[in-house]
């Protein structure tokens, strides 16, 4: 089964930008639809962005639409999340995972969760 590792998080100023990476090992990431999720302190894990296996279809949570961009480079076995115009409310641990059942954006529709990477946005 594919293993996914999220990286690229850190401290960033409000209004700034950051790019997260989701690297696959064990199998080619091109076989999978991939989602980004995040979990803030005291909150449930929530959907952020989705990309299908080829990159032709993307979908975003309303809270990040217009600010975040999901993309993939299957040759590098990597999915990216470009985050612009960051807000303090974006502070969370960000996770990537693959979809195992089509059509949903719930965390339970995904598996092979990565390690997560902390994103902290300061005012």
Protein backbone atom coordinates (compact mmCIF):
# COMPACT_ATOMS: atom_id res chain seq x y z
CA UNK A 1 0.00 0.00 0.00
CA UNK A 2 1.21 3.52 -0.77
CA UNK A 3 2.67 5.60 2.06
CA UNK A 4 2.07 9.36 2.05
CA UNK A 5 4.25 11.87 3.90
CA UNK A 6 3.26 15.53 4.28
CA UNK A 7 5.95 18.16 4.66
CA UNK A 8 6.67 21.86 4.17
CA UNK A 9 4.82 23.31 7.14
CA UNK A 10 6.15 25.93 9.50
CA UNK A 11 5.60 29.44 10.81
CA UNK A 12 4.33 32.06 8.37
CA UNK A 13 2.97 35.60 8.70
CA UNK A 14 -0.67 36.36 7.95
CA UNK A 15 -1.02 37.30 4.30
CA UNK A 16 1.97 35.19 3.36
CA UNK A 17 2.31 32.02 1.33
CA UNK A 18 3.50 28.48 1.90
CA UNK A 19 3.66 25.31 -0.19
CA UNK A 20 3.06 21.87 1.28
CA UNK A 21 4.18 18.62 -0.33
CA UNK A 22 2.73 15.12 -0.13
CA UNK A 23 5.30 12.57 -1.22
CA UNK A 24 4.40 8.97 -2.00
CA UNK A 25 6.47 5.86 -1.57
CA UNK A 26 5.79 2.19 -2.14
CA UNK A 27 3.56 2.81 -5.16
CA UNK A 28 3.10 5.51 -7.77
CA UNK A 29 0.86 8.33 -6.60
CA UNK A 30 -0.60 8.48 -10.11
CA UNK A 31 -2.89 5.58 -9.20
CA UNK A 32 -4.80 7.60 -6.61
CA UNK A 33 -7.11 10.52 -5.99
CA UNK A 34 -5.60 12.55 -3.13
CA UNK A 35 -7.05 14.91 -0.55
CA UNK A 36 -5.62 17.46 1.86
CA UNK A 37 -7.24 17.76 5.30
CA UNK A 38 -6.46 19.84 8.36
CA UNK A 39 -7.16 19.68 12.07
CA UNK A 40 -6.97 22.67 14.39
CA UNK A 41 -6.90 22.43 18.20
CA UNK A 42 -10.33 21.58 19.57
CA UNK A 43 -11.80 20.95 16.11
CA UNK A 44 -12.57 17.91 13.98
CA UNK A 45 -10.46 17.03 10.98
CA UNK A 46 -11.85 18.92 7.99
CA UNK A 47 -11.57 18.67 4.23
CA UNK A 48 -9.38 21.23 2.44
CA UNK A 49 -8.75 20.20 -1.18
CA UNK A 50 -9.07 17.27 -3.60
CA UNK A 51 -7.33 16.28 -6.82
CA UNK A 52 -8.03 13.28 -9.02
CA UNK A 53 -5.41 10.88 -10.33
CA UNK A 54 -4.57 12.88 -13.46
CA UNK A 55 -4.97 16.39 -12.02
CA UNK A 56 -7.87 17.19 -14.35
CA UNK A 57 -10.39 17.53 -11.51
CA UNK A 58 -9.95 19.60 -8.35
CA UNK A 59 -12.31 20.61 -5.55
CA UNK A 60 -11.88 22.96 -2.58
CA UNK A 61 -13.51 23.74 0.71
CA UNK A 62 -15.29 27.10 0.68
CA UNK A 63 -12.97 28.39 3.38
CA UNK A 64 -9.89 28.11 1.15
CA UNK A 65 -11.35 28.58 -2.34
CA UNK A 66 -9.48 31.27 -4.25
CA UNK A 67 -6.53 31.17 -1.86
CA UNK A 68 -5.28 27.56 -2.02
CA UNK A 69 -4.31 25.57 -5.11
CA UNK A 70 -3.83 21.81 -5.22
CA UNK A 71 -1.66 20.31 -7.94
CA UNK A 72 0.32 17.18 -8.66
CA UNK A 73 3.45 16.03 -10.44
CA UNK A 74 3.01 12.31 -10.94
CA UNK A 75 6.52 11.99 -12.37
CA UNK A 76 7.81 13.12 -8.97
CA UNK A 77 5.23 11.09 -7.01
CA UNK A 78 4.14 14.28 -5.28
CA UNK A 79 0.95 16.27 -4.65
CA UNK A 80 1.25 19.92 -3.64
CA UNK A 81 -0.88 22.44 -1.77
CA UNK A 82 0.00 26.06 -2.54
CA UNK A 83 -1.42 28.29 0.19
CA UNK A 84 -1.67 32.04 -0.45
CA UNK A 85 -3.17 34.91 1.56
CA UNK A 86 -2.87 32.85 4.71
CA UNK A 87 -5.05 33.69 7.70
CA UNK A 88 -4.64 32.93 11.38
CA UNK A 89 -7.66 30.64 11.02
CA UNK A 90 -5.61 28.43 8.67
CA UNK A 91 -3.42 27.34 11.58
CA UNK A 92 -3.68 23.55 11.85
CA UNK A 93 -1.93 20.25 11.29
CA UNK A 94 -2.29 19.45 7.58
CA UNK A 95 -2.60 15.85 6.38
CA UNK A 96 -2.69 14.20 2.98
CA UNK A 97 -4.44 10.91 2.22
CA UNK A 98 -5.71 8.86 -0.71
CA UNK A 99 -9.35 8.30 -1.55
CA UNK A 100 -10.56 4.70 -1.35
CA UNK A 101 -14.25 5.29 -2.08
CA UNK A 102 -15.28 7.77 -4.77
CA UNK A 103 -17.61 10.71 -4.34
CA UNK A 104 -17.01 11.87 -0.79
CA UNK A 105 -14.82 14.36 1.04
CA UNK A 106 -15.18 12.98 4.56
CA UNK A 107 -12.03 11.82 6.34
CA UNK A 108 -13.50 8.30 6.38
CA UNK A 109 -13.52 8.31 2.56
CA UNK A 110 -9.71 8.42 2.65
CA UNK A 111 -6.94 6.20 3.93
CA UNK A 112 -3.13 5.90 3.85
CA UNK A 113 -2.86 9.04 5.94
CA UNK A 114 0.44 10.86 6.01
CA UNK A 115 2.27 12.04 9.09
CA UNK A 116 0.84 15.55 8.97
CA UNK A 117 2.72 18.84 9.00
CA UNK A 118 2.10 21.82 11.28
CA UNK A 119 1.20 25.16 9.71
CA UNK A 120 1.15 28.13 12.08
CA UNK A 121 -0.01 31.54 10.84
CA UNK A 122 0.83 34.51 13.04
CA UNK A 123 -0.84 37.92 13.01
